[in-house]
Amino acid sequence: PLQRLPDSVEANPHFKRIFNDAVFEVQAYNGGYMTTHRTHGAQWTFFPLPDLTDGLIIMETRYIPGGDDGDDTGTMTFEQRQHFLYIPHDFFTDILPYDMAYDHSHWLDISSNIIHFRPVSYDSPDFNAQRHRFSCHLHDSTIRDTAGNKLIYVKHPLHKR
């Protein structure tokens, strides 16, 4: 059955930071909630983590153009979708310059291991995954601009060389 997101998700500071007061029609999905319609070209999945303070996993799924599997159902395989995982800005506060941590939202492209720096609000016209402002390439821990120029080397305790 269709429903709205629970109040606990809509009140979550990570949800508020990205989606403000957006109202989504969702259905239950693997212990979380998935939007029933694409919004701004994406489908959104929310997984509440009640045991953690501010615990919420936000997943964005973008569909690759022409990616249907050829049958009439419109279904797509995992490889024909692009999945992004939201990483809260607090994760970056001691690692990145202030504006890179606070003035952007951070989305890990699961297939490429690249974190895209986007505008904070999903309502921004530049929020689309293809229009990221900066990217952090996890394989070499560099932050690059849209032209691919290396700007910063990021040393993080989780990164192993």
C-alpha atoms as a PDB file:
ATOM      1  CA  PRO A   1       0.000   0.000   0.000  1.00  0.00           C
ATOM      2  CA  LEU A   2       1.068   3.557  -0.751  1.00  0.00           C
ATOM      3  CA  GLN A   3       1.880   5.856   2.130  1.00  0.00           C
ATOM      4  CA  ARG A   4       3.856   8.929   3.176  1.00  0.00           C
ATOM      5  CA  LEU A   5       7.230   8.691   4.827  1.00  0.00           C
ATOM      6  CA  PRO A   6       7.033   8.323   8.606  1.00  0.00           C
ATOM      7  CA  ASP A   7       7.414  11.508  10.650  1.00  0.00           C
ATOM      8  CA  SER A   8      10.721  10.190  12.001  1.00  0.00           C
ATOM      9  CA  VAL A   9      12.175  10.195   8.470  1.00  0.00           C
ATOM     10  CA  GLU A  10      10.708  13.561   7.443  1.00  0.00           C
ATOM     11  CA  ALA A  11      12.042  15.130  10.666  1.00  0.00           C
ATOM     12  CA  ASN A  12      15.503  13.595  10.291  1.00  0.00           C
ATOM     13  CA  PRO A  13      18.150  16.355   9.899  1.00  0.00           C
ATOM     14  CA  HIS A  14      19.743  14.601   6.899  1.00  0.00           C
ATOM     15  CA  PHE A  15      16.373  14.341   5.144  1.00  0.00           C
ATOM     16  CA  LYS A  16      15.589  17.998   5.979  1.00  0.00           C
ATOM     17  CA  ARG A  17      18.985  19.158   4.695  1.00  0.00           C
ATOM     18  CA  ILE A  18      18.442  17.611   1.254  1.00  0.00           C
ATOM     19  CA  PHE A  19      14.666  17.529   0.811  1.00  0.00           C
ATOM     20  CA  ASN A  20      13.431  20.301   3.148  1.00  0.00           C
ATOM     21  CA  ASP A  21       9.642  19.854   3.374  1.00  0.00           C
ATOM     22  CA  ALA A  22       9.191  17.566   0.353  1.00  0.00           C
ATOM     23  CA  VAL A  23       6.373  15.045   0.570  1.00  0.00           C
ATOM     24  CA  PHE A  24       6.968  11.690  -1.090  1.00  0.00           C
ATOM     25  CA  GLU A  25       4.527   8.909  -1.857  1.00  0.00           C
ATOM     26  CA  VAL A  26       6.336   5.716  -0.875  1.00  0.00           C
ATOM     27  CA  GLN A  27       5.849   2.007  -0.407  1.00  0.00           C
ATOM     28  CA  ALA A  28       7.620  -0.355   1.962  1.00  0.00           C
ATOM     29  CA  TYR A  29      10.865  -1.711   0.524  1.00  0.00           C
ATOM     30  CA  ASN A  30      13.374  -4.066   2.223  1.00  0.00           C
ATOM     31  CA  GLY A  31      12.933  -2.539   5.672  1.00  0.00           C
ATOM     32  CA  GLY A  32      12.772   0.990   4.323  1.00  0.00           C
ATOM     33  CA  TYR A  33      10.703   3.104   1.960  1.00  0.00           C
ATOM     34  CA  MET A  34      11.000   3.686  -1.787  1.00  0.00           C
ATOM     35  CA  THR A  35       9.327   6.469  -3.713  1.00  0.00           C
ATOM     36  CA  THR A  36       6.640   5.204  -6.058  1.00  0.00           C
ATOM     37  CA  HIS A  37       7.405   7.785  -8.759  1.00  0.00           C
ATOM     38  CA  ARG A  38      10.559   9.382 -10.070  1.00  0.00           C
ATOM     39  CA  THR A  39      11.165  12.838  -8.695  1.00  0.00           C
ATOM     40  CA  HIS A  40      13.710  15.060 -10.442  1.00  0.00           C
ATOM     41  CA  GLY A  41      14.661  12.077 -12.586  1.00  0.00           C
ATOM     42  CA  ALA A  42      15.411   9.775  -9.664  1.00  0.00           C
ATOM     43  CA  GLN A  43      13.810   7.251  -7.410  1.00  0.00           C
ATOM     44  CA  TRP A  44      14.630   7.641  -3.702  1.00  0.00           C
ATOM     45  CA  THR A  45      14.963   4.973  -1.033  1.00  0.00           C
ATOM     46  CA  PHE A  46      15.099   5.721   2.700  1.00  0.00           C
ATOM     47  CA  PHE A  47      16.278   3.266   5.357  1.00  0.00           C
ATOM     48  CA  PRO A  48      15.722   4.496   8.941  1.00  0.00           C
ATOM     49  CA  LEU A  49      18.327   3.345  11.470  1.00  0.00           C
ATOM     50  CA  PRO A  50      16.542   3.900  14.782  1.00  0.00           C
ATOM     51  CA  ASP A  51      19.480   2.710  16.907  1.00  0.00           C
ATOM     52  CA  LEU A  52      21.714   5.537  15.654  1.00  0.00           C
ATOM     53  CA  THR A  53      21.363   9.222  16.375  1.00  0.00           C
ATOM     54  CA  ASP A  54      20.157  10.854  13.148  1.00  0.00           C
ATOM     55  CA  GLY A  55      20.381   7.402  11.541  1.00  0.00           C
ATOM     56  CA  LEU A  56      19.044   7.411   7.994  1.00  0.00           C
ATOM     57  CA  ILE A  57      20.423   5.884   4.818  1.00  0.00           C
ATOM     58  CA  ILE A  58      19.358   7.747   1.671  1.00  0.00           C
ATOM     59  CA  MET A  59      19.824   6.068  -1.706  1.00  0.00           C
ATOM     60  CA  GLU A  60      19.224   7.704  -5.080  1.00  0.00           C
ATOM     61  CA  THR A  61      18.629   5.603  -8.197  1.00  0.00           C
ATOM     62  CA  ARG A  62      19.003   7.245 -11.591  1.00  0.00           C
ATOM     63  CA  TYR A  63      18.050   5.371 -14.713  1.00  0.00           C
ATOM     64  CA  ILE A  64      20.551   5.213 -17.553  1.00  0.00           C
ATOM     65  CA  PRO A  65      18.906   6.383 -20.796  1.00  0.00           C
ATOM     66  CA  GLY A  66      17.925   3.495 -23.038  1.00  0.00           C
ATOM     67  CA  GLY A  67      18.562   1.055 -20.229  1.00  0.00           C
ATOM     68  CA  ASP A  68      15.419  -1.089 -20.390  1.00  0.00           C
ATOM     69  CA  ASP A  69      15.949  -4.802 -20.810  1.00  0.00           C
ATOM     70  CA  GLY A  70      13.982  -5.061 -24.045  1.00  0.00           C
ATOM     71  CA  ASP A  71      10.761  -6.567 -22.762  1.00  0.00           C
ATOM     72  CA  ASP A  72       7.464  -4.727 -22.401  1.00  0.00           C
ATOM     73  CA  THR A  73       7.544  -4.545 -18.599  1.00  0.00           C
ATOM     74  CA  GLY A  74       9.973  -1.618 -18.445  1.00  0.00           C
ATOM     75  CA  THR A  75      12.070  -3.456 -15.868  1.00  0.00           C
ATOM     76  CA  MET A  76      15.768  -2.749 -15.586  1.00  0.00           C
ATOM     77  CA  THR A  77      18.689  -4.697 -14.234  1.00  0.00           C
ATOM     78  CA  PHE A  78      21.034  -3.327 -11.556  1.00  0.00           C
ATOM     79  CA  GLU A  79      23.672  -2.492 -14.170  1.00  0.00           C
ATOM     80  CA  GLN A  80      21.218  -0.277 -16.060  1.00  0.00           C
ATOM     81  CA  ARG A  81      20.738   1.979 -13.078  1.00  0.00           C
ATOM     82  CA  GLN A  82      23.107   4.325 -11.356  1.00  0.00           C
ATOM     83  CA  HIS A  83      23.009   4.180  -7.547  1.00  0.00           C
ATOM     84  CA  PHE A  84      24.175   6.956  -5.256  1.00  0.00           C
ATOM     85  CA  LEU A  85      24.490   6.792  -1.487  1.00  0.00           C
ATOM     86  CA  TYR A  86      24.173  10.010   0.514  1.00  0.00           C
ATOM     87  CA  ILE A  87      27.106  10.695   2.840  1.00  0.00           C
ATOM     88  CA  PRO A  88      26.266  13.228   5.577  1.00  0.00           C
ATOM     89  CA  HIS A  89      28.375  16.388   5.576  1.00  0.00           C
ATOM     90  CA  ASP A  90      29.441  15.780   9.208  1.00  0.00           C
ATOM     91  CA  PHE A  91      31.607  12.948   7.912  1.00  0.00           C
ATOM     92  CA  PHE A  92      33.759  15.515   6.087  1.00  0.00           C
ATOM     93  CA  THR A  93      33.955  18.326   8.667  1.00  0.00           C
ATOM     94  CA  ASP A  94      37.469  17.450   9.883  1.00  0.00           C
ATOM     95  CA  ILE A  95      38.751  16.371   6.483  1.00  0.00           C
ATOM     96  CA  LEU A  96      37.705  19.025   3.958  1.00  0.00           C
ATOM     97  CA  PRO A  97      37.690  22.817   3.807  1.00  0.00           C
ATOM     98  CA  TYR A  98      34.524  24.275   5.337  1.00  0.00           C
ATOM     99  CA  ASP A  99      32.761  25.178   2.070  1.00  0.00           C
ATOM    100  CA  MET A 100      33.399  21.750   0.537  1.00  0.00           C
ATOM    101  CA  ALA A 101      31.912  20.039   3.597  1.00  0.00           C
ATOM    102  CA  TYR A 102      28.998  22.365   4.413  1.00  0.00           C
ATOM    103  CA  ASP A 103      28.049  23.994   1.110  1.00  0.00           C
ATOM    104  CA  HIS A 104      27.557  20.711  -0.763  1.00  0.00           C
ATOM    105  CA  SER A 105      25.781  17.420  -0.435  1.00  0.00           C
ATOM    106  CA  HIS A 106      27.918  14.337  -1.015  1.00  0.00           C
ATOM    107  CA  TRP A 107      26.801  11.317  -3.043  1.00  0.00           C
ATOM    108  CA  LEU A 108      28.848   8.160  -3.508  1.00  0.00           C
ATOM    109  CA  ASP A 109      28.441   6.592  -6.952  1.00  0.00           C
ATOM    110  CA  ILE A 110      28.523   2.955  -5.908  1.00  0.00           C
ATOM    111  CA  SER A 111      29.710   1.653  -9.278  1.00  0.00           C
ATOM    112  CA  SER A 112      32.678   4.021  -9.686  1.00  0.00           C
ATOM    113  CA  ASN A 113      33.656   4.761  -6.056  1.00  0.00           C
ATOM    114  CA  ILE A 114      33.509   8.471  -6.777  1.00  0.00           C
ATOM    115  CA  ILE A 115      31.855  10.910  -4.383  1.00  0.00           C
ATOM    116  CA  HIS A 116      30.009  13.684  -6.227  1.00  0.00           C
ATOM    117  CA  PHE A 117      29.748  17.114  -4.597  1.00  0.00           C
ATOM    118  CA  ARG A 118      26.372  18.600  -5.469  1.00  0.00           C
ATOM    119  CA  PRO A 119      24.248  21.503  -4.290  1.00  0.00           C
ATOM    120  CA  VAL A 120      22.667  20.829  -0.909  1.00  0.00           C
ATOM    121  CA  SER A 121      19.023  20.942  -2.039  1.00  0.00           C
ATOM    122  CA  TYR A 122      17.640  18.366  -4.441  1.00  0.00           C
ATOM    123  CA  ASP A 123      15.457  21.178  -5.855  1.00  0.00           C
ATOM    124  CA  SER A 124      18.528  22.912  -7.282  1.00  0.00           C
ATOM    125  CA  PRO A 125      18.712  22.714 -11.096  1.00  0.00           C
ATOM    126  CA  ASP A 126      22.367  21.625 -10.748  1.00  0.00           C
ATOM    127  CA  PHE A 127      21.598  18.748  -8.362  1.00  0.00           C
ATOM    128  CA  ASN A 128      21.523  16.137 -11.137  1.00  0.00           C
ATOM    129  CA  ALA A 129      24.271  13.539 -10.816  1.00  0.00           C
ATOM    130  CA  GLN A 130      25.749  14.540 -14.159  1.00  0.00           C
ATOM    131  CA  ARG A 131      26.341  18.124 -12.990  1.00  0.00           C
ATOM    132  CA  HIS A 132      28.462  17.663  -9.880  1.00  0.00           C
ATOM    133  CA  ARG A 133      30.726  20.547  -8.903  1.00  0.00           C
ATOM    134  CA  PHE A 134      33.595  18.493  -7.552  1.00  0.00           C
ATOM    135  CA  SER A 135      34.317  14.812  -7.160  1.00  0.00           C
ATOM    136  CA  CYS A 136      36.401  12.787  -4.740  1.00  0.00           C
ATOM    137  CA  HIS A 137      38.031   9.777  -6.362  1.00  0.00           C
ATOM    138  CA  LEU A 138      38.385   7.169  -3.655  1.00  0.00           C
ATOM    139  CA  HIS A 139      40.979   5.122  -5.555  1.00  0.00           C
ATOM    140  CA  ASP A 140      43.574   7.906  -5.201  1.00  0.00           C
ATOM    141  CA  SER A 141      41.950  10.152  -2.544  1.00  0.00           C
ATOM    142  CA  THR A 142      41.899  13.236  -4.745  1.00  0.00           C
ATOM    143  CA  ILE A 143      39.255  15.889  -5.128  1.00  0.00           C
ATOM    144  CA  ARG A 144      38.896  17.113  -8.680  1.00  0.00           C
ATOM    145  CA  ASP A 145      36.997  19.850 -10.453  1.00  0.00           C
ATOM    146  CA  THR A 146      34.595  19.220 -13.334  1.00  0.00           C
ATOM    147  CA  ALA A 147      37.488  19.282 -15.836  1.00  0.00           C
ATOM    148  CA  GLY A 148      39.230  16.480 -13.933  1.00  0.00           C
ATOM    149  CA  ASN A 149      41.993  18.688 -12.503  1.00  0.00           C
ATOM    150  CA  LYS A 150      43.275  17.453  -9.137  1.00  0.00           C
ATOM    151  CA  LEU A 151      42.658  20.079  -6.462  1.00  0.00           C
ATOM    152  CA  ILE A 152      43.232  18.417  -3.101  1.00  0.00           C
ATOM    153  CA  TYR A 153      44.662  15.182  -1.769  1.00  0.00           C
ATOM    154  CA  VAL A 154      42.509  13.935   1.102  1.00  0.00           C
ATOM    155  CA  LYS A 155      44.068  11.786   3.789  1.00  0.00           C
ATOM    156  CA  HIS A 156      41.405  10.042   5.809  1.00  0.00           C
ATOM    157  CA  PRO A 157      41.853   7.416   8.520  1.00  0.00           C
ATOM    158  CA  LEU A 158      39.550   5.011   6.621  1.00  0.00           C
ATOM    159  CA  HIS A 159      41.639   5.228   3.450  1.00  0.00           C
ATOM    160  CA  LYS A 160      44.366   2.629   3.058  1.00  0.00           C
ATOM    161  CA  ARG A 161      47.187   2.937   0.566  1.00  0.00           C
END
